[in-house]
Amino acid sequence: MALPLYVKCVEKRKEKLGEDHPDTLTTMDNLAALYWSQGDYASALPLYLKCVEKQKDKLGEDHPDTLTTMNNLAGLYKSQGDYVLALPLYLKCLEKRKEKLGEDHPDTLTTMNNLAILYQSRGDYALALPSYVKCVEKQKDKLGEDHPDTLTTMNNLARLYVSQGDYTSALPLYLKCLEKRKEKLGEDHPDTLTTMNSLAGLYKSQGDYASALPLCLKCLEKRK
């Protein structure tokens, strides 16, 4: 239902405002995001490329809208496994957001988290770890420990520790994240269940089946 509306909106804004108008480009970015969410990377990619090019020309490389599209384009490349193209975009976006918005700004922290995920996906844990640690510290200070973005980064950091076999560091993060997500999002929320499942997996890896089993059963029941 949303797709034809976005397509028509882009067409109409091009006609009325021009292809370079900020409102047209915002809608173009939204349409690309919709294609991406549907797994239609072939349709999303050219829109993001055109949008970021036009925003650079019209608004400048440092403009928040340009940086948002740049971050989104990097995310699309990451989803496709094209880390070579994603990495320089994330690095540039992070640098520019630090300069324009500050290191503590939520948008800056979003890119910092995305960059850490990219490093982790490449198996570059030495670069991922300090990015996650700094990001979660800043998010706690700026957004609060209960904020969904903070909890997402906390969950990601715990997952990284598990990948490194550092269960001692991962366990308290998963426990806290699960507790906070239950309080803020509810026990049935997909993010809560993701953490619950991850915690069960950690207990299983430690051979603590007595703790893992009830979590697995609850998670399975909630996901039905």
Protein backbone atom coordinates (compact mmCIF):
# COMPACT_ATOMS: atom_id res chain seq x y z
CA MET A 1 0.00 0.00 0.00
CA ALA A 2 2.80 2.44 0.89
CA LEU A 3 4.89 1.74 -2.22
CA PRO A 4 2.57 3.23 -4.89
CA LEU A 5 2.01 6.26 -2.65
CA TYR A 6 5.74 6.93 -2.33
CA VAL A 7 6.28 6.40 -6.08
CA LYS A 8 3.49 8.84 -6.93
CA CYS A 9 4.75 11.34 -4.34
CA VAL A 10 8.26 11.28 -5.83
CA GLU A 11 6.84 11.81 -9.32
CA LYS A 12 4.60 14.69 -8.24
CA ARG A 13 7.36 16.42 -6.25
CA LYS A 14 9.71 16.15 -9.22
CA GLU A 15 7.06 17.83 -11.39
CA LYS A 16 6.11 20.56 -8.92
CA LEU A 17 9.37 21.22 -7.04
CA GLY A 18 12.09 19.78 -9.25
CA GLU A 19 14.33 16.76 -8.80
CA ASP A 20 16.85 18.69 -6.69
CA HIS A 21 14.40 20.07 -4.14
CA PRO A 22 15.05 18.91 -0.54
CA ASP A 23 11.47 17.63 -0.16
CA THR A 24 11.77 15.58 -3.35
CA LEU A 25 15.05 14.11 -2.14
CA THR A 26 13.59 13.28 1.27
CA THR A 27 10.77 11.34 -0.37
CA MET A 28 13.26 9.65 -2.69
CA ASP A 29 15.27 8.55 0.36
CA ASN A 30 12.09 7.21 1.99
CA LEU A 31 11.18 5.28 -1.15
CA ALA A 32 14.66 3.75 -1.25
CA ALA A 33 14.28 2.74 2.41
CA LEU A 34 10.96 1.05 1.60
CA TYR A 35 12.50 -0.90 -1.27
CA TRP A 36 15.35 -1.92 1.05
CA SER A 37 12.92 -3.12 3.74
CA GLN A 38 11.26 -5.30 1.11
CA GLY A 39 14.62 -6.77 0.10
CA ASP A 40 14.49 -5.04 -3.29
CA TYR A 41 18.09 -3.86 -3.30
CA ALA A 42 18.14 -3.43 -7.08
CA SER A 43 15.48 -0.69 -6.82
CA ALA A 44 16.83 0.89 -3.64
CA LEU A 45 20.48 1.30 -4.71
CA PRO A 46 20.08 3.69 -7.67
CA LEU A 47 17.68 5.85 -5.65
CA TYR A 48 20.15 6.17 -2.76
CA LEU A 49 23.01 6.91 -5.17
CA LYS A 50 21.05 9.61 -6.99
CA CYS A 51 19.70 11.06 -3.76
CA VAL A 52 23.08 11.38 -2.04
CA GLU A 53 24.61 12.89 -5.20
CA LYS A 54 21.83 15.49 -5.47
CA GLN A 55 21.97 16.29 -1.75
CA LYS A 56 25.72 16.86 -1.92
CA ASP A 57 25.22 19.29 -4.81
CA LYS A 58 22.18 21.04 -3.37
CA LEU A 59 22.70 20.92 0.40
CA GLY A 60 26.39 20.16 0.80
CA GLU A 61 28.24 17.08 2.01
CA ASP A 62 27.93 18.14 5.66
CA HIS A 63 24.16 18.63 5.68
CA PRO A 64 22.23 16.33 8.06
CA ASP A 65 19.98 15.09 5.23
CA THR A 66 22.99 14.20 3.09
CA LEU A 67 24.59 12.35 5.98
CA THR A 68 21.36 10.45 6.68
CA THR A 69 21.23 9.20 3.09
CA MET A 70 24.95 8.41 3.18
CA ASN A 71 24.41 6.35 6.33
CA ASN A 72 21.47 4.56 4.68
CA LEU A 73 23.48 3.83 1.54
CA ALA A 74 26.27 2.36 3.65
CA GLY A 75 23.68 0.21 5.43
CA LEU A 76 22.36 -1.07 2.12
CA TYR A 77 25.85 -2.01 0.98
CA LYS A 78 26.40 -3.77 4.33
CA SER A 79 23.17 -5.72 3.91
CA GLN A 80 24.46 -6.89 0.54
CA GLY A 81 27.76 -7.95 2.10
CA ASP A 82 29.64 -5.26 0.18
CA TYR A 83 31.81 -4.10 3.08
CA VAL A 84 34.38 -2.50 0.78
CA LEU A 85 31.84 0.10 -0.35
CA ALA A 86 30.09 0.43 3.01
CA LEU A 87 33.16 1.12 5.15
CA PRO A 88 34.35 4.45 3.64
CA LEU A 89 30.78 5.79 3.69
CA TYR A 90 30.35 4.96 7.37
CA LEU A 91 33.75 6.45 8.20
CA LYS A 92 33.00 9.68 6.32
CA CYS A 93 29.50 9.90 7.78
CA LEU A 94 30.82 9.40 11.32
CA GLU A 95 33.52 12.02 10.85
CA LYS A 96 31.08 14.58 9.44
CA ARG A 97 28.44 13.92 12.08
CA LYS A 98 31.00 14.37 14.84
CA GLU A 99 32.00 17.72 13.31
CA LYS A 100 28.48 19.01 12.64
CA LEU A 101 26.40 17.44 15.42
CA GLY A 102 28.90 16.45 18.09
CA GLU A 103 30.11 13.07 19.29
CA ASP A 104 27.16 12.65 21.68
CA HIS A 105 24.38 13.30 19.16
CA PRO A 106 22.00 10.35 18.61
CA ASP A 107 22.64 10.38 14.85
CA THR A 108 26.40 10.26 15.43
CA LEU A 109 25.95 7.36 17.83
CA THR A 110 23.74 5.53 15.32
CA THR A 111 26.54 5.66 12.75
CA MET A 112 29.09 4.64 15.39
CA ASN A 113 26.97 1.57 16.18
CA ASN A 114 26.54 0.78 12.49
CA LEU A 115 30.27 0.99 11.95
CA ALA A 116 30.88 -1.36 14.88
CA ILE A 117 28.41 -3.85 13.37
CA LEU A 118 30.28 -3.66 10.08
CA TYR A 119 33.60 -4.32 11.80
CA GLN A 120 32.06 -7.26 13.65
CA SER A 121 30.59 -8.66 10.42
CA ARG A 122 34.08 -8.61 8.91
CA GLY A 123 35.48 -10.39 11.98
CA ASP A 124 37.49 -7.31 12.93
CA TYR A 125 36.73 -7.52 16.64
CA ALA A 126 39.66 -5.31 17.65
CA LEU A 127 38.00 -2.34 15.92
CA ALA A 128 34.40 -3.30 16.75
CA LEU A 129 34.89 -3.57 20.51
CA PRO A 130 36.03 0.01 21.31
CA SER A 131 33.34 1.39 18.99
CA TYR A 132 30.61 -0.53 20.81
CA VAL A 133 31.98 0.34 24.25
CA LYS A 134 32.20 4.06 23.47
CA CYS A 135 28.80 4.06 21.79
CA VAL A 136 26.97 2.39 24.68
CA GLU A 137 28.63 4.71 27.21
CA LYS A 138 27.59 7.80 25.22
CA GLN A 139 24.06 6.49 24.71
CA LYS A 140 23.65 5.84 28.43
CA ASP A 141 24.71 9.42 29.18
CA LYS A 142 22.73 11.05 26.37
CA LEU A 143 19.64 8.85 25.95
CA GLY A 144 19.48 6.88 29.18
CA GLU A 145 20.09 3.23 29.96
CA ASP A 146 16.49 2.29 29.08
CA HIS A 147 16.45 3.83 25.60
CA PRO A 148 15.89 1.34 22.75
CA ASP A 149 19.04 2.54 20.95
CA THR A 150 21.13 2.02 24.08
CA LEU A 151 19.71 -1.47 24.53
CA THR A 152 20.37 -2.34 20.88
CA THR A 153 24.03 -1.40 21.23
CA MET A 154 24.24 -3.21 24.57
CA ASN A 155 22.85 -6.35 22.93
CA ASN A 156 25.34 -5.99 20.05
CA LEU A 157 28.24 -5.60 22.47
CA ALA A 158 27.17 -8.74 24.35
CA ARG A 159 27.01 -10.61 21.05
CA LEU A 160 30.54 -9.50 20.23
CA TYR A 161 31.81 -10.74 23.59
CA VAL A 162 30.15 -14.11 22.86
CA SER A 163 31.88 -14.24 19.47
CA GLN A 164 35.17 -13.78 21.29
CA GLY A 165 34.29 -16.46 23.84
CA ASP A 166 34.17 -13.87 26.62
CA TYR A 167 31.03 -15.17 28.33
CA THR A 168 31.88 -13.44 31.61
CA SER A 169 31.54 -10.02 29.98
CA ALA A 170 28.54 -10.99 27.85
CA LEU A 171 26.31 -12.46 30.56
CA PRO A 172 25.62 -9.32 32.67
CA LEU A 173 24.95 -7.32 29.49
CA TYR A 174 22.39 -9.82 28.22
CA LEU A 175 20.75 -10.00 31.65
CA LYS A 176 20.46 -6.24 31.94
CA CYS A 177 19.32 -5.84 28.34
CA LEU A 178 16.62 -8.48 28.77
CA GLU A 179 15.38 -6.90 32.00
CA LYS A 180 15.22 -3.40 30.47
CA ARG A 181 13.58 -4.58 27.26
CA LYS A 182 10.89 -6.41 29.23
CA GLU A 183 10.19 -3.20 31.16
CA LYS A 184 10.26 -0.83 28.17
CA LEU A 185 9.01 -2.96 25.28
CA GLY A 186 7.18 -5.85 26.92
CA GLU A 187 7.97 -9.55 27.09
CA ASP A 188 6.42 -10.27 23.68
CA HIS A 189 8.36 -7.66 21.71
CA PRO A 190 10.65 -9.09 18.97
CA ASP A 191 13.69 -7.28 20.42
CA THR A 192 13.01 -8.72 23.87
CA LEU A 193 12.71 -12.21 22.39
CA THR A 194 15.95 -11.74 20.46
CA THR A 195 17.82 -11.01 23.67
CA MET A 196 16.04 -13.85 25.47
CA ASN A 197 17.10 -16.27 22.73
CA SER A 198 20.68 -14.95 22.79
CA LEU A 199 20.86 -15.35 26.56
CA ALA A 200 19.60 -18.93 26.25
CA GLY A 201 22.31 -19.57 23.67
CA LEU A 202 24.95 -18.19 26.02
CA TYR A 203 23.80 -20.43 28.89
CA LYS A 204 23.85 -23.41 26.48
CA SER A 205 27.42 -22.56 25.42
CA GLN A 206 28.41 -22.57 29.09
CA GLY A 207 26.77 -25.96 29.60
CA ASP A 208 24.15 -24.39 31.88
CA TYR A 209 21.19 -26.23 30.37
CA ALA A 210 19.02 -25.71 33.46
CA SER A 211 19.06 -21.95 32.80
CA ALA A 212 18.91 -22.24 29.01
CA LEU A 213 15.92 -24.55 28.67
CA PRO A 214 13.15 -22.42 30.26
CA LEU A 215 14.31 -19.40 28.23
CA CYS A 216 14.26 -21.42 25.02
CA LEU A 217 10.78 -22.74 25.79
CA LYS A 218 9.42 -19.31 26.67
CA CYS A 219 10.93 -17.76 23.57
CA LEU A 220 9.50 -20.50 21.36
CA GLU A 221 6.06 -20.09 22.91
CA LYS A 222 6.08 -16.31 22.47
CA ARG A 223 7.21 -16.54 18.83
CA LYS A 224 4.42 -18.94 17.79
